[in-house]
Every structure is written in C-alpha cells, then in structure tokens.
Protein backbone atom coordinates (compact mmCIF):
# COMPACT_ATOMS: atom_id res chain seq x y z
CA MET A 1 -43.25 28.98 -65.09
CA ILE A 2 -42.94 25.41 -63.45
CA LEU A 3 -42.81 22.34 -65.54
CA ASN A 4 -43.22 19.69 -62.72
CA LYS A 5 -46.64 17.94 -62.59
CA CYS A 6 -49.35 18.00 -59.73
CA ASN A 7 -49.27 14.74 -57.79
CA GLY A 8 -52.96 15.01 -57.12
CA CYS A 9 -54.66 15.75 -60.36
CA GLY A 10 -51.69 15.32 -63.11
CA SER A 11 -51.91 18.97 -64.18
CA ILE A 12 -48.47 20.77 -65.15
CA LEU A 13 -47.82 23.17 -62.35
CA GLN A 14 -47.95 26.93 -63.15
CA ASP A 15 -48.04 30.04 -61.15
CA THR A 16 -49.47 32.54 -63.78
CA GLU A 17 -53.24 31.68 -64.15
CA PRO A 18 -55.29 31.19 -61.01
CA ASP A 19 -58.12 29.85 -62.96
CA LYS A 20 -56.34 27.29 -64.93
CA PRO A 21 -55.35 23.79 -64.17
CA GLY A 22 -52.06 23.45 -62.12
CA PHE A 23 -52.04 26.58 -60.65
CA ILE A 24 -49.44 27.28 -57.43
CA PRO A 25 -48.93 30.40 -55.53
CA LYS A 26 -45.23 31.49 -56.30
CA LEU A 27 -44.33 31.24 -52.61
CA THR A 28 -45.14 27.62 -52.48
CA THR A 29 -43.31 26.54 -56.01
CA THR A 30 -41.72 23.37 -54.10
CA SER A 31 -45.27 21.79 -53.46
CA GLU A 32 -46.10 18.58 -54.87
CA TYR A 33 -49.80 19.71 -55.26
CA CYS A 34 -51.30 22.50 -57.13
CA GLN A 35 -53.37 24.97 -54.92
CA ARG A 36 -56.56 23.07 -56.05
CA CYS A 37 -55.46 19.44 -54.85
CA PHE A 38 -53.85 20.93 -51.80
CA ARG A 39 -57.32 22.60 -50.85
CA MET A 40 -59.16 19.21 -51.60
CA LYS A 41 -56.63 17.27 -49.76
CA HIS A 42 -56.59 19.52 -46.49
CA TYR A 43 -59.90 21.22 -46.45
CA ASN A 44 -62.43 18.50 -48.41
CA GLU A 45 -62.86 21.61 -50.75
CA LEU A 46 -65.07 20.66 -53.65
CA PRO A 47 -62.99 21.23 -56.92
CA LYS A 48 -64.05 24.08 -59.49
CA ILE A 49 -61.83 23.07 -62.29
CA VAL A 50 -62.74 19.39 -63.55
CA ALA A 51 -61.69 17.57 -66.66
CA SER A 52 -64.00 17.09 -69.80
CA ASN A 53 -64.36 14.28 -72.16
CA SER A 54 -62.14 15.98 -74.86
CA ASP A 55 -59.20 15.94 -72.23
CA TYR A 56 -60.34 12.40 -71.47
CA GLU A 57 -60.26 11.21 -75.03
CA LYS A 58 -56.65 12.53 -75.61
CA VAL A 59 -55.28 10.93 -72.81
CA ILE A 60 -57.01 7.54 -73.66
CA ASP A 61 -56.16 7.45 -77.25
CA ASP A 62 -52.38 8.06 -76.12
CA VAL A 63 -52.85 4.85 -73.59
CA MET A 64 -54.27 2.64 -76.49
CA ASP A 65 -51.17 3.31 -78.37
CA LYS A 66 -48.89 1.98 -75.35
CA ASN A 67 -47.91 -1.34 -74.66
CA GLY A 68 -49.42 -1.74 -70.83
CA LEU A 69 -51.76 -3.76 -68.84
CA VAL A 70 -54.91 -2.17 -68.57
CA ILE A 71 -57.17 -2.22 -65.32
CA PHE A 72 -60.80 -1.46 -66.42
CA ILE A 73 -62.61 -0.29 -63.37
CA VAL A 74 -66.52 -0.06 -63.03
CA ASP A 75 -68.86 0.98 -60.37
CA LEU A 76 -70.40 -2.19 -59.21
CA PHE A 77 -73.24 -0.17 -57.66
CA SER A 78 -73.58 1.67 -61.09
CA PHE A 79 -72.64 -1.04 -63.34
CA LYS A 80 -74.46 -0.52 -66.49
CA SER A 81 -73.22 3.21 -66.77
CA THR A 82 -69.75 2.46 -66.14
CA PHE A 83 -69.33 -0.54 -68.01
CA ASN A 84 -69.19 1.80 -71.04
CA LYS A 85 -69.52 0.84 -74.38
CA LYS A 86 -67.25 3.73 -76.09
CA MET A 87 -64.35 2.34 -73.62
CA ILE A 88 -65.14 -1.32 -74.40
CA GLU A 89 -64.34 -0.61 -78.18
CA LYS A 90 -61.49 1.13 -77.42
CA LEU A 91 -59.93 -1.63 -75.18
CA ARG A 92 -60.85 -4.59 -77.44
CA LYS A 93 -57.16 -5.55 -78.30
CA LYS A 94 -55.65 -4.74 -74.94
CA ASP A 95 -54.65 -6.61 -72.14
CA VAL A 96 -57.64 -5.92 -69.60
CA ILE A 97 -58.37 -7.04 -65.87
CA LEU A 98 -61.90 -5.96 -65.30
CA VAL A 99 -62.18 -4.47 -61.82
CA ALA A 100 -65.78 -4.38 -60.31
CA ASN A 101 -65.13 -1.62 -57.49
CA LYS A 102 -67.50 -0.90 -54.33
CA TYR A 103 -68.28 -4.39 -53.34
CA ASP A 104 -68.51 -3.32 -49.65
CA LEU A 105 -71.92 -1.65 -50.63
CA LEU A 106 -73.66 -4.85 -51.45
CA PRO A 107 -75.36 -6.94 -48.61
CA LYS A 108 -72.90 -9.13 -46.79
CA SER A 109 -75.19 -12.00 -47.82
CA THR A 110 -74.22 -11.61 -51.52
CA ASN A 111 -72.37 -14.34 -53.05
CA PRO A 112 -69.12 -12.81 -54.39
CA ALA A 113 -69.02 -16.15 -56.95
CA SER A 114 -72.73 -15.21 -58.33
CA VAL A 115 -71.45 -11.59 -58.77
CA VAL A 116 -68.36 -12.51 -60.70
CA ASP A 117 -70.67 -14.95 -62.95
CA TRP A 118 -72.67 -12.02 -63.55
CA LEU A 119 -70.15 -9.89 -64.70
CA SER A 120 -68.71 -12.50 -67.04
CA LYS A 121 -72.01 -13.09 -68.81
CA GLU A 122 -72.13 -9.57 -69.32
CA CYS A 123 -68.74 -9.29 -70.84
CA GLU A 124 -69.75 -11.91 -73.30
CA LYS A 125 -72.90 -10.03 -74.50
CA PHE A 126 -70.24 -7.61 -75.82
CA SER A 127 -67.98 -10.24 -76.68
CA PHE A 128 -65.67 -8.38 -74.67
CA LYS A 129 -62.67 -10.68 -73.47
CA VAL A 130 -60.84 -9.88 -70.32
CA ILE A 131 -57.92 -11.97 -68.73
CA ALA A 132 -59.34 -11.79 -65.30
CA ILE A 133 -62.21 -10.15 -63.07
CA HIS A 134 -61.83 -8.90 -59.61
CA LEU A 135 -64.32 -7.63 -56.91
CA ILE A 136 -62.81 -4.91 -54.44
CA SER A 137 -63.56 -2.25 -52.42
CA ALA A 138 -61.12 0.64 -52.82
CA LYS A 139 -62.66 2.37 -49.97
CA LYS A 140 -62.07 -0.41 -47.56
CA GLY A 141 -59.27 -2.46 -48.89
CA TYR A 142 -61.22 -5.52 -49.70
CA PHE A 143 -59.52 -8.04 -52.01
CA ILE A 144 -56.84 -5.61 -52.88
CA ASP A 145 -53.97 -8.42 -52.34
CA ASP A 146 -55.50 -10.73 -54.81
CA LEU A 147 -55.80 -7.98 -57.46
CA ILE A 148 -52.20 -6.80 -56.52
CA MET A 149 -50.81 -10.64 -57.29
CA ASN A 150 -52.79 -10.72 -60.46
CA ILE A 151 -51.32 -7.53 -61.73
CA GLU A 152 -47.78 -8.86 -61.41
CA ASN A 153 -48.85 -12.39 -63.05
CA PHE A 154 -49.95 -10.49 -66.00
CA ARG A 155 -47.93 -7.42 -66.10
CA ARG A 156 -44.93 -9.00 -67.61
CA GLY A 157 -42.72 -5.90 -67.43
CA ARG A 158 -45.26 -3.49 -68.63
CA ASP A 159 -46.69 -0.21 -66.83
CA VAL A 160 -50.26 -0.54 -65.71
CA TYR A 161 -52.84 1.60 -66.42
CA PHE A 162 -56.11 2.16 -64.53
CA VAL A 163 -58.96 3.50 -66.94
CA GLY A 164 -62.76 3.66 -66.54
CA CYS A 165 -65.54 6.38 -66.04
CA ALA A 166 -65.47 9.46 -63.52
CA ASN A 167 -66.23 8.34 -59.95
CA VAL A 168 -65.50 4.64 -60.33
CA GLY A 169 -62.61 4.76 -57.84
CA LYS A 170 -59.62 4.74 -59.88
CA SER A 171 -57.58 6.82 -57.98
CA SER A 172 -58.89 5.53 -54.85
CA LEU A 173 -57.51 2.17 -55.98
CA ILE A 174 -54.39 3.31 -56.71
CA ASN A 175 -54.08 5.09 -53.32
CA SER A 176 -55.16 1.86 -51.57
CA ILE A 177 -52.66 -0.11 -53.54
CA ILE A 178 -50.07 2.40 -52.68
CA ARG A 179 -50.86 2.20 -48.81
CA ARG A 180 -50.92 -1.58 -49.14
CA MET A 181 -47.53 -1.97 -50.70
CA THR A 182 -45.48 0.90 -49.22
CA PRO A 183 -45.00 2.84 -45.94
CA LYS A 184 -47.31 5.61 -47.00
CA THR A 185 -50.48 6.21 -45.16
CA GLU A 186 -52.10 9.24 -46.92
CA ASP A 187 -53.62 9.54 -50.50
CA VAL A 188 -51.14 10.41 -53.09
CA ILE A 189 -53.75 10.93 -55.62
CA SER A 190 -56.57 13.65 -55.45
CA THR A 191 -60.21 12.24 -54.98
CA SER A 192 -63.62 13.74 -54.80
CA ILE A 193 -67.30 12.95 -55.45
CA ILE A 194 -66.92 15.51 -58.07
CA PRO A 195 -66.81 13.80 -61.51
CA GLY A 196 -63.42 14.87 -63.67
CA THR A 197 -61.13 15.29 -60.55
CA THR A 198 -58.08 13.66 -62.31
CA LEU A 199 -57.21 16.36 -65.32
CA ASN A 200 -54.20 14.66 -66.95
CA GLU A 201 -52.23 11.02 -66.85
CA ILE A 202 -50.42 10.54 -63.49
CA ARG A 203 -47.32 8.50 -63.41
CA LEU A 204 -46.44 6.83 -60.44
CA LEU A 205 -43.00 4.91 -60.09
CA PHE A 206 -44.01 1.80 -58.32
CA PHE A 207 -42.11 -1.48 -59.66
CA ASP A 208 -38.65 -2.43 -59.11
CA ASP A 209 -38.12 -2.91 -63.10
CA GLY A 210 -38.71 1.05 -63.06
CA LYS A 211 -42.35 0.67 -64.39
CA TYR A 212 -45.31 2.63 -63.32
CA LEU A 213 -48.89 2.90 -62.07
CA ILE A 214 -50.75 5.21 -64.34
CA ASP A 215 -53.76 7.09 -63.39
CA THR A 216 -56.16 8.47 -66.21
CA PRO A 217 -58.81 10.90 -66.25
CA GLY A 218 -62.46 9.45 -65.96
CA LEU A 219 -64.71 9.56 -68.92
CA ILE A 220 -67.92 11.58 -68.02
CA ASN A 221 -70.79 9.73 -68.68
CA GLU A 222 -73.51 11.89 -69.53
CA GLY A 223 -76.17 9.32 -68.45
CA ASP A 224 -75.25 9.61 -64.70
CA ILE A 225 -77.61 11.32 -62.65
CA LEU A 226 -74.80 13.21 -60.85
CA ASN A 227 -74.13 14.86 -63.88
CA ARG A 228 -77.96 16.39 -63.68
CA LEU A 229 -77.71 17.69 -59.88
CA LEU A 230 -75.88 20.13 -57.47
CA PRO A 231 -72.98 18.44 -55.27
CA LYS A 232 -75.36 19.30 -52.36
CA SER A 233 -77.55 16.54 -53.44
CA TYR A 234 -74.63 14.08 -53.71
CA GLU A 235 -74.07 13.30 -50.22
CA LYS A 236 -77.73 11.59 -49.97
CA ILE A 237 -77.24 9.92 -53.35
CA LEU A 238 -73.82 8.31 -52.81
CA PRO A 239 -74.00 5.22 -50.57
CA LYS A 240 -71.37 5.45 -47.95
CA ASN A 241 -71.67 1.80 -46.30
CA GLU A 242 -73.43 -1.60 -47.03
CA ILE A 243 -76.94 -0.93 -48.59
CA LYS A 244 -79.76 -2.39 -46.44
CA PRO A 245 -82.37 -3.45 -49.17
CA ILE A 246 -85.86 -2.60 -48.36
CA THR A 247 -88.37 -4.78 -49.83
CA TYR A 248 -92.32 -4.25 -50.65
CA GLN A 249 -95.01 -6.75 -51.55
CA ILE A 250 -96.32 -4.43 -54.32
CA LYS A 251 -100.17 -4.70 -55.94
CA THR A 252 -101.47 -2.95 -59.02
CA GLY A 253 -101.99 0.77 -58.64
CA ASN A 254 -98.67 1.00 -56.02
CA THR A 255 -95.69 3.29 -56.90
CA VAL A 256 -92.17 3.39 -55.04
CA LEU A 257 -90.80 6.44 -55.24
CA LEU A 258 -87.31 6.86 -54.97
CA ALA A 259 -86.71 10.65 -53.18
CA GLY A 260 -87.33 12.79 -56.22
CA LEU A 261 -84.99 10.96 -58.62
CA ALA A 262 -87.42 8.62 -59.82
CA SER A 263 -90.61 6.58 -59.48
CA LEU A 264 -92.06 3.29 -60.45
CA SER A 265 -95.83 2.68 -60.81
CA PHE A 266 -96.79 -0.95 -61.00
CA GLU A 267 -99.63 -3.02 -62.75
CA CYS A 268 -99.64 -6.54 -62.36
CA GLU A 269 -102.19 -9.36 -62.09
CA GLU A 270 -100.45 -10.63 -58.79
CA ASP A 271 -98.56 -9.53 -55.93
CA ILE A 272 -95.06 -9.06 -56.80
CA SER A 273 -91.84 -8.44 -54.78
CA VAL A 274 -89.90 -5.17 -55.23
CA ILE A 275 -86.34 -4.75 -53.62
CA VAL A 276 -84.98 -1.18 -53.65
CA TYR A 277 -80.96 -1.27 -53.50
CA VAL A 278 -80.10 2.64 -52.63
CA SER A 279 -78.17 4.81 -50.27
CA LYS A 280 -80.07 4.98 -46.56
CA ASP A 281 -79.75 8.63 -47.00
CA LEU A 282 -82.54 8.58 -49.72
CA TYR A 283 -86.05 8.85 -48.94
CA ILE A 284 -88.37 6.10 -50.02
CA GLN A 285 -91.91 5.85 -50.19
CA ARG A 286 -94.63 3.47 -51.47
CA SER A 287 -97.94 5.20 -52.33
CA LYS A 288 -101.10 4.65 -54.28
CA THR A 289 -100.16 5.56 -58.13
CA ALA A 290 -103.07 7.78 -57.98
CA ASN A 291 -101.64 9.98 -55.60
CA LEU A 292 -98.27 10.44 -57.70
CA GLU A 293 -99.07 13.44 -59.19
CA HIS A 294 -99.87 15.50 -55.95
CA LEU A 295 -96.89 13.97 -54.44
CA VAL A 296 -94.54 15.18 -57.08
CA LYS A 297 -95.98 18.55 -57.52
CA THR A 298 -96.33 19.49 -53.71
CA GLN A 299 -93.23 17.54 -52.46
CA THR A 300 -90.12 17.40 -54.92
CA GLY A 301 -87.59 19.31 -53.62
CA LYS A 302 -89.02 18.96 -49.69
CA LEU A 303 -89.91 15.75 -48.44
CA LEU A 304 -88.79 14.16 -52.20
CA ASN A 305 -85.29 15.40 -51.72
CA PRO A 306 -82.67 15.43 -53.54
CA PRO A 307 -83.35 17.24 -55.95
CA VAL A 308 -83.16 20.23 -53.86
CA GLU A 309 -85.24 23.17 -54.44
CA GLU A 310 -82.97 25.24 -56.16
CA GLU A 311 -82.45 22.41 -58.58
CA LEU A 312 -86.09 22.14 -59.67
CA SER A 313 -86.07 24.93 -62.44
CA LYS A 314 -83.35 23.28 -64.25
CA ILE A 315 -84.79 19.46 -64.13
CA PHE A 316 -87.21 17.58 -66.18
CA TYR A 317 -88.67 14.32 -66.25
CA ALA A 318 -88.99 11.61 -68.75
CA HIS A 319 -90.98 8.31 -68.68
CA LYS A 320 -89.89 4.64 -69.69
CA LYS A 321 -92.40 1.61 -69.91
CA VAL A 322 -91.13 -1.69 -69.02
CA SER A 323 -92.56 -5.11 -69.25
CA LEU A 324 -91.41 -7.98 -67.26
CA ASP A 325 -92.56 -11.56 -68.07
CA GLY A 326 -91.81 -12.61 -64.35
CA LEU A 327 -89.71 -15.84 -65.45
CA LYS A 328 -86.33 -14.46 -64.00
CA LYS A 329 -85.71 -11.82 -61.35
CA LYS A 330 -84.62 -8.68 -62.91
CA SER A 331 -82.83 -5.53 -61.81
CA ILE A 332 -83.67 -2.01 -62.84
CA TRP A 333 -80.90 0.26 -62.71
CA PHE A 334 -80.60 4.22 -62.20
CA ALA A 335 -77.19 5.38 -63.36
CA GLY A 336 -75.26 7.00 -60.39
CA PHE A 337 -77.79 5.80 -57.63
CA GLY A 338 -78.51 2.28 -57.33
CA PHE A 339 -81.01 -0.42 -58.66
CA VAL A 340 -84.48 -2.02 -57.73
CA SER A 341 -85.04 -5.66 -58.23
CA VAL A 342 -88.40 -6.95 -59.32
CA ILE A 343 -89.51 -10.73 -58.92
CA GLY A 344 -92.79 -11.31 -60.81
CA LYS A 345 -94.82 -10.31 -64.13
CA CYS A 346 -95.82 -6.75 -64.29
CA GLU A 347 -95.87 -3.47 -66.25
CA ILE A 348 -93.67 -0.63 -65.24
CA ASP A 349 -94.20 3.25 -65.80
CA ILE A 350 -90.76 4.51 -64.86
CA ARG A 351 -90.21 8.34 -64.12
CA TYR A 352 -86.92 9.61 -63.98
CA ILE A 353 -84.58 12.55 -64.51
CA ASP A 354 -84.50 13.53 -68.23
CA LYS A 355 -81.06 12.71 -69.79
CA SER A 356 -79.88 10.38 -67.21
CA GLU A 357 -80.06 6.54 -68.08
CA VAL A 358 -82.29 3.40 -66.95
CA TYR A 359 -81.35 0.03 -67.70
CA VAL A 360 -82.98 -3.53 -67.17
CA THR A 361 -80.56 -6.44 -66.66
CA ASN A 362 -80.96 -9.89 -65.11
CA ALA A 363 -80.73 -9.43 -61.39
CA ILE A 364 -77.17 -8.96 -60.12
CA ILE A 365 -78.31 -10.38 -56.64
C-alpha cells in the first residue's frame, strides 16, 4: 500500500483496488498521479470516479475549523447556481475573498465595475460580508495578478483554501496562479468538465513561510443542468469563448427555444427585447408559441440538441411562470448553461428540464 497522495485529485495512492480512488499500477508506484488523473492529463479521458457531496461536506467542515483565508469561487456565467446558500452559511465567520470566474465569457463591452457592483448587491441580499470581490478568467489569466496581490495582503501568514461548487474553476485557478508565479508550465491539478473531478483536499506548498494553497472538492449542485445530462451534451452547453448575444424583438405569442434545454413563451402588450447569452454551439430558434408542442415532439434530440436522443427517456420537463413588470431589465438564469435578459413588461411560461434550476435577478449586464 502506498501512502502518498495524488497531485491531481488528492486521493491517497493505492495499488490494490483499480475501481477505487487513487489506484496506481504497481509498476508505476513512483508516479505523482493516480491512473485516473494520468489518463485525464495525457489522454483527455473523462473520469469515471467523481466526488460526492458527502465527501465534500467532510472536507469543507474540516476547512471551517482551520484559520485560513478562503477564496470562494463562483461561476460568473452560472452565478445563481454557484453562489450556493449552503456554502454561504458555512463561510459567514471566515475571511472570504469572492472570486467570480469566467469573466472572459461575457461580451467585451461589459463594464467590469458594473459587474462587481452587481455581485456586491447579491452579497448584500444574504448579508454575506466579503473582504474583496475579484473578476477573473482562470482559463485566460485575466486579472490573476490583482488577485494574487490581494491574497498576499489578506493572508497574514495563513494557508489559503479554494472552495466552491463543482466546475466553477477552483483547480484551474490554482493552476493559473502556479503558472504565473513559478516556472511550471503544465497543470498541476487535474481538471475536467465532469463535476467532482477533485476527490480530496490537495495541499500545494507555495509560500515562502511554509504555507499552502489548498484545493478542495466541489459541492455538486443538484440544480445544475449538467447533472441531468450525459457528458456528450456538455461540449455544446459549456461556452468556450466570449458569448455573442443574440437579440430578438418579441411579440406576444412568440417563443424562444434554447436547443432542447428550455423554452420561453411570451405574452406581452407591446413588443419587448430578449437577449440570449448562451454558448454559440447551442441551437437557438424563435418560433410561434402555437408551434412549440409540435417542435418539441418531433425535434427534441434532433434539431433541438442537446439533449441527445439517448438521454430522452430519462429527461422530463417542468414549467415556471414568470411575470416581469418592465421597470428594470431582468436576467433569467438557467443553472449550468446561461441566461436570458428581458427588457419590457411580459408574462413568460418557461419550460425547462425538471430538477434543474431557473432564477430571475436584476440584469447582470
């Protein structure tokens, strides 16, 4: 039995149980990575073993007992589902820097100061005090230097813990910081589009005073649409580059379909503006509401893809009615794949995949 930890996922390395976390063949016992992470790192193989929420709870409860600086990471493109209430409650008594990742996905015309102000107001709604708010892109390295400077300012000789929901980019951010501050050019920690890639706490000696950067498993948000679909659907759902908004002038009796993931059917006295912020790979269509049932019945899994056809037997849809007064621009969020902004007074019948989450906020842009 090997007692070292995998640098990629944090599991204790072992050479006896191939289907358990941390397995490493006996012939390669000097490796820093388990077989799972080695295959992810070198062959882009998707992980078959992922962390559960019970695993996450144990690690995070341990973090709460430690005197460390906490970097709470949220996905700016899936904010409402990653600004998790359960996590907020756990973090209330900690020194927290709120980091909103994936800023690179928002249109270049977006005013960062306005987004920070929006994030601050969202924190105020929950009486959640943070010592700083940062917009970043872990993927492209945007604003990483500013974050590193504030980490040094507020760390005060403590370890730094990175926490957040699955797929917000905790591991990617740590990799980005290490590449910025050390000679390393490759990722140290395993990353994947599959939620739950990090299995246990990963401690990386980083500071001159002997303190660590510490990665943690991500809380699996059951409302995230990725938890309802197969990995082959993820490629179209998850945006890879800057979002190019699609704007529609909508009349009463119009519907906007977001592939087969959701639809919004509108009733309004006057024409309104609807702006869609999703991956360019998702098929978006405006149609008459009268044609919606026929389109859904004949094209879901085909033209309206994702979901793919083999997923359809396990997918069910729910409806949510939303009434907007038109006084302020609103954003309707679909947990895990984007949001739609609406300008104008209207009633909306939202059809979405059951058990995924739909939220309405004041517009982020």
